[in-house]
Amino acid sequence: MRNGQIRRVNLSLHLTPEQSRADLRAMQQLQLWHQSVNQSDSIDDANMEIRAFHRDVYLAGLQLFLMDPAFCHHVAESLGRDNLTLRGLLAEIQPQAQQDELSVERVELQKIRQELAALKPLMEQQTLALQQLRLSAKSASAAAPEHDNIDVSKVDAPVEKMQKIRQKGIF
């Protein structure tokens, strides 16, 4: 596609005004909007306004749907409420967002608890191994003086002989 080339996409909007208050209100608003656009003096201006309107509505709706399909549906259905304001809709969003954050935190907390539960047996094994290591180190240190201690009298005898020999002056 070349730069600046316009691509036309035909989309259909299926509404059931007899079954949905949101659909009825959407149809009424679209009819009012279309009547106001048709009152324009220039057909080109009207067509440009129609294209801009459709583009903005479709792209905004698509972006909202991509971010959160359930929220997009909530906004679409809220069209049926006559007294709803932007501030009111935003207030509805905030408690829902807080609930979503709490549920995410609960899931993360549950994962942490599961990981801790899995680590507990490993910690107990490590504690037991450390205790066994300490006991074996104590028993080895208790036995070590018997093996490491050399009878001083055995070492002193050859040293005394060397001193006597040196005193005699042989060296």
N, C-alpha and C. Protein backbone atom coordinates (compact mmCIF):
# COMPACT_ATOMS: atom_id res chain seq x y z
N MET A 1 0.84 -1.17 0.00
CA MET A 1 0.00 0.00 0.00
C MET A 1 0.89 1.24 0.00
N ARG A 2 0.60 2.16 -0.86
CA ARG A 2 1.37 3.40 -0.93
C ARG A 2 1.00 4.32 0.21
N ASN A 3 1.94 5.21 0.58
CA ASN A 3 1.66 6.19 1.63
C ASN A 3 0.50 7.08 1.21
N GLY A 4 -0.40 7.32 2.14
CA GLY A 4 -1.52 8.21 1.89
C GLY A 4 -2.70 7.54 1.23
N GLN A 5 -2.57 6.28 0.85
CA GLN A 5 -3.67 5.57 0.20
C GLN A 5 -4.72 5.24 1.25
N ILE A 6 -5.97 5.51 0.91
CA ILE A 6 -7.06 5.23 1.84
C ILE A 6 -7.58 3.83 1.58
N ARG A 7 -7.77 3.09 2.66
CA ARG A 7 -8.27 1.72 2.57
C ARG A 7 -9.67 1.72 3.15
N ARG A 8 -10.63 1.28 2.40
CA ARG A 8 -12.02 1.28 2.85
C ARG A 8 -12.36 -0.08 3.45
N VAL A 9 -12.94 -0.05 4.64
CA VAL A 9 -13.38 -1.27 5.32
C VAL A 9 -14.85 -1.08 5.65
N ASN A 10 -15.69 -1.97 5.17
CA ASN A 10 -17.12 -1.89 5.47
C ASN A 10 -17.43 -2.74 6.69
N LEU A 11 -18.02 -2.12 7.67
CA LEU A 11 -18.39 -2.82 8.90
C LEU A 11 -19.90 -2.67 9.11
N SER A 12 -20.50 -3.70 9.63
CA SER A 12 -21.93 -3.66 9.92
C SER A 12 -22.14 -3.62 11.42
N LEU A 13 -23.15 -2.89 11.81
CA LEU A 13 -23.51 -2.80 13.22
C LEU A 13 -24.91 -3.37 13.36
N HIS A 14 -25.00 -4.51 14.00
CA HIS A 14 -26.30 -5.17 14.15
C HIS A 14 -26.87 -4.82 15.53
N LEU A 15 -27.98 -4.12 15.52
CA LEU A 15 -28.62 -3.69 16.76
C LEU A 15 -30.00 -4.33 16.87
N THR A 16 -30.38 -4.65 18.09
CA THR A 16 -31.72 -5.18 18.36
C THR A 16 -32.37 -4.27 19.39
N PRO A 17 -32.93 -3.15 18.94
CA PRO A 17 -33.47 -2.17 19.87
C PRO A 17 -34.65 -2.68 20.69
N GLU A 18 -35.35 -3.68 20.19
CA GLU A 18 -36.48 -4.21 20.96
C GLU A 18 -36.02 -5.12 22.10
N GLN A 19 -34.76 -5.57 22.06
CA GLN A 19 -34.25 -6.46 23.09
C GLN A 19 -33.24 -5.79 24.03
N SER A 20 -32.65 -4.71 23.58
CA SER A 20 -31.60 -4.09 24.37
C SER A 20 -31.81 -2.58 24.46
N ARG A 21 -31.82 -2.09 25.67
CA ARG A 21 -31.96 -0.64 25.86
C ARG A 21 -30.73 0.09 25.32
N ALA A 22 -29.56 -0.53 25.45
CA ALA A 22 -28.33 0.08 24.92
C ALA A 22 -28.41 0.17 23.40
N ASP A 23 -28.91 -0.87 22.74
CA ASP A 23 -29.06 -0.84 21.29
C ASP A 23 -30.05 0.23 20.86
N LEU A 24 -31.17 0.34 21.59
CA LEU A 24 -32.18 1.36 21.28
C LEU A 24 -31.58 2.75 21.38
N ARG A 25 -30.86 2.99 22.47
CA ARG A 25 -30.26 4.32 22.66
C ARG A 25 -29.20 4.59 21.60
N ALA A 26 -28.40 3.59 21.25
CA ALA A 26 -27.39 3.76 20.22
C ALA A 26 -28.04 4.11 18.88
N MET A 27 -29.10 3.42 18.55
CA MET A 27 -29.79 3.68 17.29
C MET A 27 -30.36 5.09 17.27
N GLN A 28 -30.94 5.51 18.37
CA GLN A 28 -31.51 6.87 18.45
C GLN A 28 -30.41 7.93 18.32
N GLN A 29 -29.29 7.72 19.00
CA GLN A 29 -28.19 8.68 18.94
C GLN A 29 -27.58 8.73 17.54
N LEU A 30 -27.44 7.57 16.91
CA LEU A 30 -26.89 7.53 15.55
C LEU A 30 -27.82 8.23 14.56
N GLN A 31 -29.13 8.07 14.74
CA GLN A 31 -30.09 8.74 13.87
C GLN A 31 -29.99 10.26 14.05
N LEU A 32 -29.91 10.72 15.31
CA LEU A 32 -29.77 12.16 15.56
C LEU A 32 -28.47 12.69 14.96
N TRP A 33 -27.41 11.95 15.13
CA TRP A 33 -26.12 12.38 14.59
C TRP A 33 -26.19 12.44 13.06
N HIS A 34 -26.77 11.43 12.45
CA HIS A 34 -26.86 11.39 10.98
C HIS A 34 -27.70 12.54 10.45
N GLN A 35 -28.78 12.87 11.11
CA GLN A 35 -29.61 14.01 10.70
C GLN A 35 -28.83 15.32 10.77
N SER A 36 -28.02 15.47 11.84
CA SER A 36 -27.24 16.70 11.96
C SER A 36 -26.17 16.80 10.88
N VAL A 37 -25.56 15.68 10.51
CA VAL A 37 -24.54 15.67 9.46
C VAL A 37 -25.18 15.98 8.11
N ASN A 38 -26.37 15.44 7.86
CA ASN A 38 -27.06 15.67 6.59
C ASN A 38 -27.49 17.13 6.41
N GLN A 39 -27.53 17.90 7.47
CA GLN A 39 -27.91 19.31 7.36
C GLN A 39 -26.74 20.18 6.89
N SER A 40 -25.60 19.57 6.73
CA SER A 40 -24.42 20.29 6.27
C SER A 40 -24.64 20.78 4.84
N ASP A 41 -24.04 21.93 4.52
CA ASP A 41 -24.19 22.52 3.19
C ASP A 41 -23.40 21.77 2.12
N SER A 42 -22.29 21.18 2.52
CA SER A 42 -21.41 20.52 1.56
C SER A 42 -21.47 19.01 1.76
N ILE A 43 -21.66 18.30 0.65
CA ILE A 43 -21.69 16.84 0.70
C ILE A 43 -20.30 16.31 1.04
N ASP A 44 -19.27 16.96 0.52
CA ASP A 44 -17.90 16.54 0.83
C ASP A 44 -17.60 16.68 2.31
N ASP A 45 -18.02 17.80 2.91
CA ASP A 45 -17.81 17.99 4.36
C ASP A 45 -18.57 16.94 5.16
N ALA A 46 -19.79 16.64 4.74
CA ALA A 46 -20.60 15.63 5.43
C ALA A 46 -19.93 14.26 5.33
N ASN A 47 -19.45 13.91 4.14
CA ASN A 47 -18.78 12.62 3.97
C ASN A 47 -17.50 12.53 4.81
N MET A 48 -16.76 13.63 4.84
CA MET A 48 -15.54 13.65 5.65
C MET A 48 -15.88 13.50 7.14
N GLU A 49 -16.94 14.16 7.57
CA GLU A 49 -17.35 14.05 8.98
C GLU A 49 -17.83 12.64 9.31
N ILE A 50 -18.53 12.02 8.39
CA ILE A 50 -19.00 10.65 8.59
C ILE A 50 -17.81 9.70 8.70
N ARG A 51 -16.83 9.86 7.78
CA ARG A 51 -15.64 9.01 7.83
C ARG A 51 -14.87 9.19 9.13
N ALA A 52 -14.69 10.44 9.55
CA ALA A 52 -13.94 10.71 10.79
C ALA A 52 -14.68 10.12 11.99
N PHE A 53 -16.02 10.26 12.00
CA PHE A 53 -16.82 9.71 13.10
C PHE A 53 -16.67 8.20 13.18
N HIS A 54 -16.86 7.54 12.05
CA HIS A 54 -16.77 6.08 12.04
C HIS A 54 -15.37 5.61 12.43
N ARG A 55 -14.36 6.27 11.92
CA ARG A 55 -12.99 5.90 12.25
C ARG A 55 -12.74 6.04 13.74
N ASP A 56 -13.13 7.17 14.31
CA ASP A 56 -12.89 7.40 15.74
C ASP A 56 -13.65 6.40 16.60
N VAL A 57 -14.91 6.17 16.27
CA VAL A 57 -15.72 5.24 17.07
C VAL A 57 -15.19 3.82 16.96
N TYR A 58 -14.91 3.36 15.77
CA TYR A 58 -14.41 2.00 15.60
C TYR A 58 -13.05 1.81 16.25
N LEU A 59 -12.14 2.75 16.02
CA LEU A 59 -10.81 2.59 16.58
C LEU A 59 -10.82 2.71 18.11
N ALA A 60 -11.62 3.64 18.64
CA ALA A 60 -11.71 3.77 20.11
C ALA A 60 -12.31 2.50 20.72
N GLY A 61 -13.36 2.00 20.08
CA GLY A 61 -13.97 0.76 20.57
C GLY A 61 -13.04 -0.42 20.48
N LEU A 62 -12.30 -0.50 19.37
CA LEU A 62 -11.35 -1.59 19.21
C LEU A 62 -10.24 -1.52 20.25
N GLN A 63 -9.73 -0.31 20.48
CA GLN A 63 -8.67 -0.16 21.49
C GLN A 63 -9.18 -0.56 22.87
N LEU A 64 -10.37 -0.13 23.20
CA LEU A 64 -10.96 -0.49 24.49
C LEU A 64 -11.16 -2.00 24.58
N PHE A 65 -11.60 -2.60 23.50
CA PHE A 65 -11.79 -4.05 23.48
C PHE A 65 -10.48 -4.78 23.65
N LEU A 66 -9.42 -4.30 22.99
CA LEU A 66 -8.11 -4.94 23.11
C LEU A 66 -7.55 -4.84 24.52
N MET A 67 -7.83 -3.73 25.19
CA MET A 67 -7.33 -3.55 26.56
C MET A 67 -8.08 -4.44 27.54
N ASP A 68 -9.42 -4.49 27.40
CA ASP A 68 -10.21 -5.27 28.35
C ASP A 68 -11.58 -5.55 27.75
N PRO A 69 -11.76 -6.74 27.16
CA PRO A 69 -13.04 -7.05 26.51
C PRO A 69 -14.25 -6.94 27.44
N ALA A 70 -14.09 -7.37 28.68
CA ALA A 70 -15.22 -7.30 29.62
C ALA A 70 -15.59 -5.85 29.91
N PHE A 71 -14.59 -5.02 30.07
CA PHE A 71 -14.86 -3.61 30.33
C PHE A 71 -15.49 -2.95 29.10
N CYS A 72 -15.04 -3.33 27.92
CA CYS A 72 -15.62 -2.80 26.69
C CYS A 72 -17.11 -3.14 26.64
N HIS A 73 -17.45 -4.37 26.98
CA HIS A 73 -18.85 -4.79 27.01
C HIS A 73 -19.63 -3.98 28.04
N HIS A 74 -19.02 -3.74 29.21
CA HIS A 74 -19.67 -2.95 30.25
C HIS A 74 -19.98 -1.54 29.75
N VAL A 75 -19.01 -0.93 29.07
CA VAL A 75 -19.22 0.43 28.55
C VAL A 75 -20.31 0.40 27.48
N ALA A 76 -20.29 -0.59 26.61
CA ALA A 76 -21.30 -0.68 25.56
C ALA A 76 -22.70 -0.81 26.17
N GLU A 77 -22.84 -1.65 27.17
CA GLU A 77 -24.15 -1.84 27.80
C GLU A 77 -24.57 -0.63 28.63
N SER A 78 -23.60 0.14 29.10
CA SER A 78 -23.95 1.33 29.89
C SER A 78 -24.59 2.41 29.02
N LEU A 79 -24.53 2.25 27.70
CA LEU A 79 -25.16 3.19 26.79
C LEU A 79 -26.67 3.24 27.02
N GLY A 80 -27.23 2.18 27.53
CA GLY A 80 -28.66 2.13 27.79
C GLY A 80 -29.11 2.94 28.99
N ARG A 81 -28.18 3.43 29.78
CA ARG A 81 -28.54 4.22 30.97
C ARG A 81 -28.52 5.71 30.62
N ASP A 82 -29.66 6.32 30.70
CA ASP A 82 -29.78 7.73 30.29
C ASP A 82 -29.02 8.68 31.21
N ASN A 83 -29.03 8.41 32.48
CA ASN A 83 -28.46 9.36 33.44
C ASN A 83 -26.97 9.14 33.73
N LEU A 84 -26.32 8.25 33.02
CA LEU A 84 -24.91 7.95 33.25
C LEU A 84 -24.04 9.08 32.72
N THR A 85 -23.10 9.51 33.54
CA THR A 85 -22.15 10.53 33.14
C THR A 85 -20.76 9.91 33.03
N LEU A 86 -19.85 10.65 32.43
CA LEU A 86 -18.47 10.17 32.34
C LEU A 86 -17.89 9.97 33.73
N ARG A 87 -18.15 10.91 34.62
CA ARG A 87 -17.66 10.79 36.00
C ARG A 87 -18.24 9.54 36.67
N GLY A 88 -19.51 9.27 36.44
CA GLY A 88 -20.13 8.08 37.02
C GLY A 88 -19.53 6.79 36.47
N LEU A 89 -19.28 6.79 35.15
CA LEU A 89 -18.67 5.62 34.53
C LEU A 89 -17.26 5.41 35.05
N LEU A 90 -16.51 6.48 35.20
CA LEU A 90 -15.15 6.37 35.75
C LEU A 90 -15.18 5.87 37.19
N ALA A 91 -16.17 6.31 37.95
CA ALA A 91 -16.31 5.83 39.34
C ALA A 91 -16.60 4.33 39.36
N GLU A 92 -17.38 3.84 38.41
CA GLU A 92 -17.64 2.40 38.33
C GLU A 92 -16.37 1.64 37.98
N ILE A 93 -15.57 2.25 37.14
CA ILE A 93 -14.33 1.60 36.71
C ILE A 93 -13.36 1.46 37.88
N GLN A 94 -13.24 2.49 38.69
CA GLN A 94 -12.28 2.48 39.79
C GLN A 94 -12.54 1.36 40.79
N PRO A 95 -13.79 1.19 41.35
CA PRO A 95 -13.99 0.02 42.24
C PRO A 95 -13.70 -1.30 41.55
N GLN A 96 -14.03 -1.40 40.24
CA GLN A 96 -13.76 -2.65 39.51
C GLN A 96 -12.26 -2.87 39.39
N ALA A 97 -11.52 -1.79 39.11
CA ALA A 97 -10.06 -1.92 39.00
C ALA A 97 -9.46 -2.31 40.35
N GLN A 98 -9.98 -1.75 41.43
CA GLN A 98 -9.48 -2.11 42.76
C GLN A 98 -9.78 -3.57 43.05
N GLN A 99 -10.95 -4.04 42.67
CA GLN A 99 -11.29 -5.46 42.88
C GLN A 99 -10.39 -6.35 42.06
N ASP A 100 -10.10 -5.92 40.82
CA ASP A 100 -9.20 -6.71 39.97
C ASP A 100 -7.81 -6.77 40.59
N GLU A 101 -7.32 -5.64 41.11
CA GLU A 101 -6.01 -5.61 41.74
C GLU A 101 -5.98 -6.52 42.96
N LEU A 102 -7.05 -6.49 43.75
CA LEU A 102 -7.11 -7.36 44.93
C LEU A 102 -7.12 -8.83 44.54
N SER A 103 -7.84 -9.16 43.49
CA SER A 103 -7.86 -10.57 43.08
C SER A 103 -6.50 -11.00 42.54
N VAL A 104 -5.80 -10.10 41.84
CA VAL A 104 -4.45 -10.41 41.37
C VAL A 104 -3.53 -10.60 42.56
N GLU A 105 -3.65 -9.73 43.56
CA GLU A 105 -2.82 -9.84 44.76
C GLU A 105 -3.12 -11.15 45.51
N ARG A 106 -4.38 -11.53 45.54
CA ARG A 106 -4.74 -12.79 46.20
C ARG A 106 -4.10 -13.98 45.48
N VAL A 107 -4.13 -13.95 44.16
CA VAL A 107 -3.52 -15.04 43.38
C VAL A 107 -2.03 -15.08 43.65
N GLU A 108 -1.37 -13.92 43.65
CA GLU A 108 0.07 -13.88 43.90
C GLU A 108 0.38 -14.36 45.32
N LEU A 109 -0.43 -13.96 46.28
CA LEU A 109 -0.24 -14.41 47.66
C LEU A 109 -0.40 -15.92 47.76
N GLN A 110 -1.36 -16.47 47.06
CA GLN A 110 -1.57 -17.92 47.06
C GLN A 110 -0.35 -18.63 46.47
N LYS A 111 0.21 -18.07 45.39
CA LYS A 111 1.41 -18.66 44.78
C LYS A 111 2.58 -18.64 45.77
N ILE A 112 2.73 -17.54 46.49
CA ILE A 112 3.80 -17.42 47.48
C ILE A 112 3.61 -18.45 48.58
N ARG A 113 2.38 -18.62 49.03
CA ARG A 113 2.10 -19.62 50.07
C ARG A 113 2.45 -21.02 49.58
N GLN A 114 2.12 -21.33 48.33
CA GLN A 114 2.44 -22.64 47.78
C GLN A 114 3.95 -22.84 47.70
N GLU A 115 4.67 -21.80 47.29
CA GLU A 115 6.12 -21.90 47.21
C GLU A 115 6.73 -22.10 48.60
N LEU A 116 6.20 -21.38 49.60
CA LEU A 116 6.69 -21.55 50.96
C LEU A 116 6.40 -22.96 51.47
N ALA A 117 5.22 -23.46 51.15
CA ALA A 117 4.88 -24.83 51.57
C ALA A 117 5.84 -25.84 50.93
N ALA A 118 6.22 -25.59 49.68
CA ALA A 118 7.16 -26.49 49.02
C ALA A 118 8.56 -26.35 49.61
N LEU A 119 8.92 -25.17 50.09
CA LEU A 119 10.25 -24.94 50.65
C LEU A 119 10.38 -25.44 52.09
N LYS A 120 9.26 -25.58 52.79
CA LYS A 120 9.31 -25.99 54.20
C LYS A 120 9.98 -27.35 54.39
N PRO A 121 9.62 -28.38 53.63
CA PRO A 121 10.32 -29.66 53.81
C PRO A 121 11.82 -29.56 53.52
N LEU A 122 12.17 -28.75 52.52
CA LEU A 122 13.59 -28.58 52.21
C LEU A 122 14.33 -27.90 53.37
N MET A 123 13.67 -26.93 53.99
CA MET A 123 14.27 -26.24 55.13
C MET A 123 14.43 -27.20 56.31
N GLU A 124 13.44 -28.05 56.52
CA GLU A 124 13.54 -29.03 57.61
C GLU A 124 14.67 -30.02 57.35
N GLN A 125 14.83 -30.44 56.09
CA GLN A 125 15.93 -31.34 55.73
C GLN A 125 17.27 -30.65 55.97
N GLN A 126 17.36 -29.40 55.61
CA GLN A 126 18.61 -28.66 55.78
C GLN A 126 18.92 -28.48 57.26
N THR A 127 17.92 -28.19 58.07
CA THR A 127 18.12 -28.03 59.50
C THR A 127 18.61 -29.35 60.11
N LEU A 128 18.01 -30.45 59.71
CA LEU A 128 18.42 -31.76 60.20
C LEU A 128 19.86 -32.07 59.78
N ALA A 129 20.19 -31.75 58.53
CA ALA A 129 21.56 -31.99 58.05
C ALA A 129 22.57 -31.14 58.83
N LEU A 130 22.20 -29.89 59.14
CA LEU A 130 23.09 -29.04 59.93
C LEU A 130 23.28 -29.58 61.34
N GLN A 131 22.20 -30.08 61.93
CA GLN A 131 22.31 -30.66 63.26
C GLN A 131 23.23 -31.88 63.25
N GLN A 132 23.07 -32.73 62.24
CA GLN A 132 23.93 -33.90 62.13
C GLN A 132 25.38 -33.50 61.91
N LEU A 133 25.59 -32.45 61.13
CA LEU A 133 26.94 -31.97 60.88
C LEU A 133 27.56 -31.44 62.17
N ARG A 134 26.79 -30.71 62.96
CA ARG A 134 27.28 -30.19 64.24
C ARG A 134 27.64 -31.32 65.19
N LEU A 135 26.75 -32.33 65.24
CA LEU A 135 27.02 -33.47 66.12
C LEU A 135 28.29 -34.21 65.69
N SER A 136 28.43 -34.40 64.39
CA SER A 136 29.63 -35.10 63.93
C SER A 136 30.88 -34.24 64.16
N ALA A 137 30.76 -32.94 64.05
CA ALA A 137 31.89 -32.05 64.31
C ALA A 137 32.27 -32.08 65.79
N LYS A 138 31.26 -32.12 66.67
CA LYS A 138 31.53 -32.20 68.11
C LYS A 138 32.22 -33.52 68.46
N SER A 139 31.71 -34.60 67.89
CA SER A 139 32.32 -35.90 68.20
C SER A 139 33.73 -35.98 67.61
N ALA A 140 33.95 -35.37 66.48
CA ALA A 140 35.29 -35.37 65.88
C ALA A 140 36.23 -34.51 66.70
N SER A 141 35.75 -33.39 67.21
CA SER A 141 36.63 -32.52 68.01
C SER A 141 36.90 -33.15 69.37
N ALA A 142 35.96 -33.94 69.89
CA ALA A 142 36.19 -34.63 71.15
C ALA A 142 37.22 -35.74 70.96
N ALA A 143 37.20 -36.40 69.82
CA ALA A 143 38.14 -37.49 69.54
C ALA A 143 39.48 -36.95 69.05
N ALA A 144 39.52 -35.80 68.49
CA ALA A 144 40.73 -35.24 67.91
C ALA A 144 41.86 -35.05 68.91
N PRO A 145 41.64 -34.59 70.13
CA PRO A 145 42.76 -34.43 71.04
C PRO A 145 43.50 -35.73 71.28
N GLU A 146 42.83 -36.86 71.28
CA GLU A 146 43.50 -38.14 71.47
C GLU A 146 44.42 -38.45 70.29
N HIS A 147 43.98 -38.13 69.09
CA HIS A 147 44.77 -38.44 67.91
C HIS A 147 45.82 -37.38 67.62
N ASP A 148 45.49 -36.14 67.87
CA ASP A 148 46.39 -35.04 67.53
C ASP A 148 47.47 -34.82 68.59
N ASN A 149 47.19 -35.19 69.81
CA ASN A 149 48.19 -34.98 70.87
C ASN A 149 49.29 -36.03 70.74
N ILE A 150 50.51 -35.54 70.74
CA ILE A 150 51.67 -36.43 70.66
C ILE A 150 52.32 -36.43 72.04
N ASP A 151 52.73 -37.55 72.42
CA ASP A 151 53.38 -37.65 73.73
C ASP A 151 54.67 -36.83 73.68
N VAL A 152 54.76 -35.82 74.52
CA VAL A 152 55.89 -34.90 74.52
C VAL A 152 57.17 -35.62 74.92
N SER A 153 57.06 -36.59 75.74
CA SER A 153 58.27 -37.31 76.17
C SER A 153 58.93 -38.00 74.98
N LYS A 154 58.13 -38.47 74.00
CA LYS A 154 58.70 -39.12 72.83
C LYS A 154 59.48 -38.11 71.98
N VAL A 155 59.03 -36.88 71.92
CA VAL A 155 59.73 -35.86 71.14
C VAL A 155 60.91 -35.31 71.93
N ASP A 156 60.77 -35.21 73.22
CA ASP A 156 61.83 -34.65 74.05
C ASP A 156 63.08 -35.53 74.06
N ALA A 157 62.93 -36.83 74.00
CA ALA A 157 64.09 -37.73 74.07
C ALA A 157 65.08 -37.49 72.93
N PRO A 158 64.67 -37.46 71.67
CA PRO A 158 65.64 -37.20 70.61
C PRO A 158 66.24 -35.80 70.71
N VAL A 159 65.52 -34.85 71.18
CA VAL A 159 66.04 -33.49 71.32
C VAL A 159 67.12 -33.46 72.40
N GLU A 160 66.91 -34.16 73.47
CA GLU A 160 67.91 -34.21 74.54
C GLU A 160 69.19 -34.88 74.05
N LYS A 161 69.08 -35.94 73.28
CA LYS A 161 70.26 -36.61 72.73
C LYS A 161 71.06 -35.68 71.85
N MET A 162 70.35 -34.89 71.00
CA MET A 162 71.03 -33.95 70.11
C MET A 162 71.77 -32.89 70.92
N GLN A 163 71.18 -32.44 72.00
CA GLN A 163 71.84 -31.43 72.83
C GLN A 163 73.09 -32.00 73.51
N LYS A 164 73.04 -33.23 73.95
CA LYS A 164 74.21 -33.86 74.57
C LYS A 164 75.34 -34.01 73.58
N ILE A 165 74.94 -34.40 72.36
CA ILE A 165 75.96 -34.59 71.33
C ILE A 165 76.61 -33.25 71.00
N ARG A 166 75.85 -32.20 70.93
CA ARG A 166 76.39 -30.87 70.63
C ARG A 166 77.31 -30.42 71.77
N GLN A 167 76.95 -30.74 72.97
CA GLN A 167 77.79 -30.33 74.12
C GLN A 167 79.16 -31.03 74.07
N LYS A 168 79.18 -32.22 73.57
CA LYS A 168 80.44 -32.95 73.49
C LYS A 168 81.33 -32.34 72.43
N GLY A 169 80.75 -31.57 71.52
CA GLY A 169 81.55 -30.88 70.55
C GLY A 169 81.85 -31.64 69.31
N ILE A 170 81.17 -32.62 69.03
CA ILE A 170 81.42 -33.40 67.82
C ILE A 170 81.10 -32.53 66.60
N PHE A 171 80.18 -31.70 66.69
CA PHE A 171 79.81 -30.89 65.51
C PHE A 171 80.62 -29.65 65.45
